[in-house]
N, C-alpha and C. Protein backbone atom coordinates (compact mmCIF):
# COMPACT_ATOMS: atom_id res chain seq x y z
N MET A 1 0.97 -1.63 0.04
CA MET A 1 -0.15 -0.03 -0.23
C MET A 1 0.81 1.28 -0.07
N ASN A 2 0.45 2.50 -0.98
CA ASN A 2 1.49 3.68 -0.69
C ASN A 2 0.30 4.75 -0.02
N LEU A 3 1.55 5.71 0.09
CA LEU A 3 1.33 6.77 0.77
C LEU A 3 0.31 7.63 0.60
N LYS A 4 -0.72 7.22 -0.68
CA LYS A 4 -1.16 8.07 -1.54
C LYS A 4 -2.67 7.00 -0.80
N THR A 5 -2.94 5.47 -1.15
CA THR A 5 -4.04 4.99 -0.79
C THR A 5 -4.33 4.92 0.81
N LEU A 6 -3.29 5.29 1.16
CA LEU A 6 -3.16 5.23 3.36
C LEU A 6 -4.22 6.10 3.39
N LEU A 7 -3.42 7.47 2.63
CA LEU A 7 -4.12 8.29 3.17
C LEU A 7 -5.87 8.45 2.41
N ASP A 8 -6.14 8.04 1.54
CA ASP A 8 -7.26 7.86 0.67
C ASP A 8 -8.26 7.11 1.72
N ARG A 9 -7.48 5.99 2.13
CA ARG A 9 -8.56 5.24 3.02
C ARG A 9 -8.68 5.95 4.46
N LYS A 10 -7.44 6.93 4.88
CA LYS A 10 -7.57 7.14 6.61
C LYS A 10 -8.81 8.70 6.00
N ASP A 11 -8.96 8.75 5.00
CA ASP A 11 -10.14 10.38 4.78
C ASP A 11 -11.50 9.50 4.46
N TYR A 12 -11.24 8.93 3.95
CA TYR A 12 -12.79 7.91 3.71
C TYR A 12 -13.45 7.64 4.95
N HIS A 13 -12.69 7.45 5.86
CA HIS A 13 -13.27 6.49 6.92
C HIS A 13 -13.13 7.83 8.20
N SER A 14 -12.72 8.40 8.19
CA SER A 14 -12.80 10.32 8.63
C SER A 14 -14.19 10.49 8.12
N GLU A 15 -14.56 11.11 6.90
CA GLU A 15 -15.45 11.25 6.85
C GLU A 15 -16.54 10.73 7.21
N LYS A 16 -16.45 9.25 6.76
CA LYS A 16 -18.23 8.38 7.10
C LYS A 16 -17.85 8.16 8.98
N LEU A 17 -16.62 9.01 9.14
CA LEU A 17 -17.28 8.64 11.12
C LEU A 17 -17.56 9.90 11.46
N GLY A 18 -17.17 11.33 10.85
CA GLY A 18 -18.34 12.51 10.95
C GLY A 18 -19.30 12.52 10.65
N ASN A 19 -19.99 12.23 9.40
CA ASN A 19 -21.06 11.83 9.28
C ASN A 19 -21.66 10.96 9.97
N LEU A 20 -21.55 9.92 10.39
CA LEU A 20 -22.22 9.02 11.63
C LEU A 20 -22.45 9.45 12.68
N SER A 21 -21.10 10.32 13.16
CA SER A 21 -21.87 11.28 14.50
C SER A 21 -22.84 12.47 14.27
N ARG A 22 -22.56 12.71 13.10
CA ARG A 22 -23.53 13.99 13.21
C ARG A 22 -24.86 13.65 13.08
N GLN A 23 -24.92 12.06 11.94
CA GLN A 23 -26.10 11.89 12.27
C GLN A 23 -26.98 11.52 13.88
N MET A 24 -25.80 10.58 14.14
CA MET A 24 -26.87 10.37 16.37
C MET A 24 -27.00 11.90 16.71
N ASN A 25 -26.40 12.57 16.50
CA ASN A 25 -26.26 13.69 17.17
C ASN A 25 -27.88 14.33 17.26
N TYR A 26 -27.90 14.07 15.40
CA TYR A 26 -29.20 14.44 14.76
C TYR A 26 -30.32 13.95 15.50
N THR A 27 -30.32 12.60 15.74
CA THR A 27 -31.30 12.07 15.61
C THR A 27 -32.06 11.77 17.54
N ALA A 28 -30.53 11.79 18.36
CA ALA A 28 -30.70 11.91 19.67
C ALA A 28 -31.62 13.51 19.78
N ILE A 29 -31.17 14.45 19.26
CA ILE A 29 -31.61 16.00 19.63
C ILE A 29 -33.56 15.42 19.43
N ALA A 30 -33.13 14.96 18.14
CA ALA A 30 -34.97 15.07 17.27
C ALA A 30 -35.96 13.99 18.83
N VAL A 31 -35.39 12.96 18.91
CA VAL A 31 -35.19 11.84 20.53
C VAL A 31 -35.87 12.57 21.28
N VAL A 32 -34.97 13.17 21.75
CA VAL A 32 -35.04 14.21 22.94
C VAL A 32 -36.53 14.91 23.31
N TRP A 33 -36.79 15.26 22.01
CA TRP A 33 -37.56 15.99 21.55
C TRP A 33 -39.32 15.70 21.91
N ILE A 34 -38.82 14.46 20.71
CA ILE A 34 -40.00 13.42 20.63
C ILE A 34 -40.44 13.33 22.95
N PHE A 35 -39.64 12.76 23.53
CA PHE A 35 -39.52 11.99 24.71
C PHE A 35 -39.73 13.84 25.48
N SER A 36 -39.81 14.99 25.65
CA SER A 36 -40.04 16.02 26.35
C SER A 36 -41.42 15.64 26.03
N GLN A 37 -41.66 16.37 27.36
CA GLN A 37 -43.19 16.81 28.19
C GLN A 37 -43.26 18.32 28.42
N ARG A 38 -44.66 18.37 27.93
CA ARG A 38 -45.38 20.26 28.11
C ARG A 38 -46.37 19.64 29.47
N VAL A 39 -45.33 20.85 30.01
CA VAL A 39 -46.52 21.39 31.46
C VAL A 39 -46.50 22.59 31.19
N SER A 40 -48.03 22.87 31.12
CA SER A 40 -48.11 24.21 31.10
C SER A 40 -47.43 24.49 30.00
N ASN A 41 -46.67 25.65 29.88
CA ASN A 41 -46.70 26.39 28.49
C ASN A 41 -45.45 25.76 28.07
N ASP A 42 -44.65 25.07 29.47
CA ASP A 42 -43.19 24.87 29.61
C ASP A 42 -43.01 23.01 29.39
N LEU A 43 -41.42 23.08 28.91
CA LEU A 43 -41.19 22.20 28.10
C LEU A 43 -40.60 22.05 29.29
N TYR A 44 -40.74 20.69 29.05
CA TYR A 44 -40.33 19.66 30.55
C TYR A 44 -39.16 18.67 30.21
N LEU A 45 -37.77 18.59 30.27
CA LEU A 45 -37.29 17.01 30.11
C LEU A 45 -36.81 16.93 31.64
N PRO A 46 -36.86 15.52 31.40
CA PRO A 46 -35.69 14.93 32.75
C PRO A 46 -34.54 14.75 32.72
N ASP A 47 -33.87 14.53 33.98
CA ASP A 47 -32.37 15.08 33.93
C ASP A 47 -31.22 14.72 32.75
N LEU A 48 -31.54 12.97 32.79
CA LEU A 48 -30.82 12.79 31.55
C LEU A 48 -31.24 12.85 30.57
N LEU A 49 -32.33 12.97 29.98
CA LEU A 49 -32.70 13.77 28.62
C LEU A 49 -31.89 15.17 28.69
N ARG A 50 -31.51 15.93 29.47
CA ARG A 50 -31.16 17.10 29.30
C ARG A 50 -29.39 17.22 29.32
N TRP A 51 -29.04 15.90 29.86
CA TRP A 51 -27.46 15.75 29.69
C TRP A 51 -27.27 14.70 28.27
N VAL A 52 -28.38 14.28 27.58
CA VAL A 52 -28.15 14.12 26.13
C VAL A 52 -27.86 14.96 25.92
N LEU A 53 -29.06 15.86 25.61
CA LEU A 53 -28.86 16.92 25.07
C LEU A 53 -27.34 17.69 24.78
N LEU A 54 -26.92 17.58 26.23
CA LEU A 54 -25.94 18.69 26.41
C LEU A 54 -24.26 17.57 25.57
N PHE A 55 -24.63 16.62 25.99
CA PHE A 55 -23.90 16.14 25.08
C PHE A 55 -23.65 16.29 23.43
N CYS A 56 -25.18 16.11 22.82
CA CYS A 56 -25.17 16.23 21.71
C CYS A 56 -25.23 17.02 20.82
N VAL A 57 -25.18 17.92 21.26
CA VAL A 57 -24.42 19.58 21.09
C VAL A 57 -23.10 19.92 21.58
N ALA A 58 -22.90 19.21 22.50
CA ALA A 58 -21.41 19.21 22.66
C ALA A 58 -20.72 19.45 21.27
N SER A 59 -21.06 17.67 20.97
CA SER A 59 -20.68 17.13 20.11
C SER A 59 -20.76 17.95 18.44
N LEU A 60 -21.77 18.52 18.38
CA LEU A 60 -21.84 19.36 17.21
C LEU A 60 -21.08 20.60 17.45
N LEU A 61 -21.04 21.30 18.55
CA LEU A 61 -20.42 22.76 18.55
C LEU A 61 -18.98 22.07 17.93
N PHE A 62 -18.10 21.00 18.91
CA PHE A 62 -16.92 20.51 18.32
C PHE A 62 -16.84 20.12 16.80
N GLU A 63 -17.53 19.62 16.67
CA GLU A 63 -17.71 19.79 14.85
C GLU A 63 -17.91 20.69 14.64
N MET A 64 -18.47 22.05 14.57
CA MET A 64 -18.38 22.92 13.99
C MET A 64 -16.60 23.60 14.16
N PHE A 65 -16.53 23.32 15.49
CA PHE A 65 -14.78 23.80 15.86
C PHE A 65 -13.51 23.21 15.26
N GLN A 66 -13.85 22.13 14.84
CA GLN A 66 -12.77 21.07 14.16
C GLN A 66 -12.97 21.67 12.45
N TYR A 67 -13.55 22.01 12.11
CA TYR A 67 -13.80 22.26 10.99
C TYR A 67 -13.53 24.22 10.42
N PHE A 68 -13.69 24.29 11.42
CA PHE A 68 -13.17 26.36 11.52
C PHE A 68 -11.86 26.54 12.02
N PHE A 69 -10.85 25.64 12.68
CA PHE A 69 -10.00 25.34 13.18
C PHE A 69 -8.90 24.81 11.38
N SER A 70 -9.64 23.44 11.44
CA SER A 70 -8.89 23.40 10.14
C SER A 70 -8.97 24.08 8.90
N TYR A 71 -9.96 25.18 8.91
CA TYR A 71 -9.94 25.46 7.78
C TYR A 71 -8.87 26.72 7.90
N VAL A 72 -8.94 26.97 8.79
CA VAL A 72 -8.39 27.76 9.66
C VAL A 72 -6.84 27.84 9.23
N VAL A 73 -6.65 26.79 10.07
CA VAL A 73 -4.79 26.21 9.63
C VAL A 73 -4.29 25.60 8.42
N TYR A 74 -5.28 25.22 7.20
CA TYR A 74 -5.18 24.67 5.79
C TYR A 74 -4.56 26.33 5.43
N ASP A 75 -5.64 27.35 5.60
CA ASP A 75 -6.16 28.66 4.60
C ASP A 75 -4.71 28.93 4.53
N ARG A 76 -4.34 29.56 6.30
CA ARG A 76 -2.76 29.81 6.83
C ARG A 76 -1.93 29.03 5.99
N TYR A 77 -1.51 27.55 6.24
CA TYR A 77 -0.67 27.02 5.80
C TYR A 77 -0.32 26.90 4.67
N PHE A 78 -1.81 27.22 3.86
CA PHE A 78 -1.51 27.84 1.80
C PHE A 78 -1.29 28.69 1.52
N MET A 79 -1.05 29.92 2.56
CA MET A 79 -1.25 31.43 2.63
C MET A 79 0.68 31.52 2.44
N CYS A 80 1.55 30.34 3.26
CA CYS A 80 2.47 30.53 3.70
C CYS A 80 3.22 29.38 2.70
N VAL A 81 3.10 28.50 2.15
CA VAL A 81 3.78 27.65 0.97
C VAL A 81 3.46 28.46 -0.01
N GLU A 82 2.48 29.13 -0.28
CA GLU A 82 2.36 29.83 -1.77
C GLU A 82 3.18 31.01 -1.58
N LYS A 83 3.37 31.14 -0.11
CA LYS A 83 4.62 32.57 -0.62
C LYS A 83 6.04 32.50 -1.07
N LYS A 84 6.13 31.03 -0.37
CA LYS A 84 7.77 30.15 -0.16
C LYS A 84 7.64 30.03 -1.82
N ILE A 85 6.93 29.36 -2.41
CA ILE A 85 6.92 29.02 -3.74
C ILE A 85 6.97 30.53 -4.66
N ASP A 86 5.83 31.35 -4.34
CA ASP A 86 6.20 32.90 -5.26
C ASP A 86 8.20 33.39 -5.54
N LYS A 87 8.61 33.30 -4.18
CA LYS A 87 9.92 33.53 -3.69
C LYS A 87 10.96 32.62 -4.35
N GLY A 88 10.22 31.41 -4.85
CA GLY A 88 11.28 30.42 -4.92
C GLY A 88 12.36 30.13 -4.24
N LEU A 89 11.52 29.61 -3.29
CA LEU A 89 12.22 28.74 -1.96
C LEU A 89 12.18 27.62 -1.65
N MET A 90 10.70 27.03 -2.19
CA MET A 90 10.14 26.18 -3.12
C MET A 90 9.27 26.10 -3.59
N LYS A 91 9.19 24.37 -4.14
CA LYS A 91 8.71 23.56 -5.73
C LYS A 91 7.46 23.30 -4.94
N PRO A 92 6.57 23.78 -6.13
CA PRO A 92 5.36 23.12 -5.82
C PRO A 92 4.86 21.77 -5.55
N ASP A 93 6.47 20.96 -5.89
CA ASP A 93 6.42 19.34 -5.32
C ASP A 93 6.93 19.45 -4.72
N ASP A 94 7.51 19.98 -3.79
CA ASP A 94 8.17 19.60 -2.45
C ASP A 94 7.83 18.99 -0.96
N GLU A 95 8.21 18.29 -0.76
CA GLU A 95 7.19 18.51 0.63
C GLU A 95 7.08 19.41 1.93
N PHE A 96 6.08 19.50 2.47
CA PHE A 96 5.64 20.16 2.82
C PHE A 96 5.93 19.46 4.54
N LYS A 97 6.52 20.24 5.49
CA LYS A 97 6.10 19.98 6.98
C LYS A 97 5.45 21.01 7.51
N TRP A 98 4.77 19.90 9.00
CA TRP A 98 3.69 20.72 9.40
C TRP A 98 4.29 21.33 10.76
N HIS A 99 3.63 21.42 11.51
CA HIS A 99 3.94 22.18 13.03
C HIS A 99 2.93 20.98 13.76
N LYS A 100 3.69 20.70 14.74
CA LYS A 100 3.43 19.14 15.38
C LYS A 100 1.53 19.58 15.98
N ALA A 101 2.00 20.67 16.33
CA ALA A 101 0.93 20.75 17.32
C ALA A 101 -0.68 21.62 16.42
N TRP A 102 -0.59 21.86 15.16
CA TRP A 102 -1.77 21.75 14.23
C TRP A 102 -2.39 20.96 13.85
N PRO A 103 -1.80 19.63 13.42
CA PRO A 103 -3.09 18.49 13.59
C PRO A 103 -3.24 17.92 14.95
N LEU A 104 -2.34 18.40 15.67
CA LEU A 104 -2.81 17.19 17.28
C LEU A 104 -4.31 18.15 17.67
N ILE A 105 -5.00 19.60 17.19
CA ILE A 105 -5.32 20.24 17.74
C ILE A 105 -6.70 19.68 17.09
N MET A 106 -6.23 19.46 15.68
CA MET A 106 -8.07 19.44 14.47
C MET A 106 -8.07 17.89 14.97
N THR A 107 -6.86 17.05 15.42
CA THR A 107 -7.70 15.18 16.26
C THR A 107 -8.16 15.94 17.40
N ILE A 108 -8.19 16.27 18.39
CA ILE A 108 -8.42 16.79 19.32
C ILE A 108 -10.41 17.09 19.51
N PHE A 109 -10.50 17.76 18.31
CA PHE A 109 -11.46 17.94 17.80
C PHE A 109 -12.08 16.73 17.69
N PHE A 110 -11.86 16.32 16.76
CA PHE A 110 -12.35 14.93 16.09
C PHE A 110 -12.82 14.11 16.77
N TYR A 111 -11.90 13.75 17.56
CA TYR A 111 -12.60 12.60 18.74
C TYR A 111 -13.01 13.19 19.56
N GLY A 112 -13.31 14.41 19.92
CA GLY A 112 -13.83 14.80 20.80
C GLY A 112 -15.40 14.39 20.79
N LYS A 113 -15.63 15.92 19.64
CA LYS A 113 -17.25 15.58 19.00
C LYS A 113 -17.47 13.95 18.45
N THR A 114 -16.54 12.98 18.42
CA THR A 114 -17.06 11.01 18.19
C THR A 114 -17.08 10.35 19.82
N VAL A 115 -16.55 10.95 20.60
CA VAL A 115 -16.87 10.44 21.87
C VAL A 115 -18.00 11.05 23.10
N LEU A 116 -18.20 12.38 22.67
CA LEU A 116 -19.75 13.37 22.91
C LEU A 116 -20.60 13.15 22.20
N SER A 117 -20.51 12.80 20.74
CA SER A 117 -21.73 11.43 20.34
C SER A 117 -21.85 10.56 20.88
N ILE A 118 -21.04 9.49 21.42
CA ILE A 118 -21.10 7.94 21.45
C ILE A 118 -21.82 8.31 23.41
N ILE A 119 -21.42 9.02 24.02
CA ILE A 119 -21.68 9.53 25.58
C ILE A 119 -23.49 9.76 25.19
N GLY A 120 -23.62 10.74 24.34
CA GLY A 120 -24.82 11.24 24.89
C GLY A 120 -26.09 9.94 24.02
N PHE A 121 -25.72 9.34 22.53
CA PHE A 121 -25.90 8.12 22.23
C PHE A 121 -26.32 7.46 23.68
N ILE A 122 -25.22 6.91 24.08
CA ILE A 122 -25.40 6.00 25.51
C ILE A 122 -26.57 6.33 26.70
N LEU A 123 -26.41 7.67 26.78
CA LEU A 123 -27.29 7.62 27.64
C LEU A 123 -29.14 7.42 27.36
N LEU A 124 -29.01 8.31 26.19
CA LEU A 124 -30.03 8.14 25.33
C LEU A 124 -30.69 7.03 25.16
N ILE A 125 -29.91 5.79 24.83
CA ILE A 125 -30.30 4.85 25.28
C ILE A 125 -30.70 4.09 26.72
N ILE A 126 -30.08 4.38 27.94
CA ILE A 126 -30.33 4.18 29.10
C ILE A 126 -31.40 4.41 28.89
N HIS A 127 -32.13 5.84 28.73
CA HIS A 127 -33.43 6.26 29.20
C HIS A 127 -34.48 5.38 28.36
N ILE A 128 -34.35 5.22 26.97
CA ILE A 128 -35.24 4.71 26.87
C ILE A 128 -35.43 3.13 27.13
N ILE A 129 -34.28 2.43 26.85
CA ILE A 129 -34.69 1.03 28.19
C ILE A 129 -34.99 0.57 29.24
N GLY A 130 -34.58 2.69 30.34
CA GLY A 130 -34.80 2.24 31.71
C GLY A 130 -35.96 2.96 31.59
């Protein structure tokens, strides 16, 4: 397996995990809405469903931060590389090296959104079963 195939497979699974996590969050929020109760004109949520909602919304926020931060990082990095190419310091096919903290922060947001989504969905299942 070459590096391009490895990166393609990583990207494929990353995209699928992100899509699944997002769909689970939307599903959990919809189920919370279904299980919510109206008391007079106020909306009442059992405590466990409040936690479900909190984890799912936090997961969606992590996803937003992941994409925002990733865009900013890639945009800034592209601009730096483009300047070096324009000055003749690099060629377009040269290897580019990342600052180690950038991918780490993007990875933290990626795993964070997934873990938050899983916790929220487990709590939802506990509420439905229990």
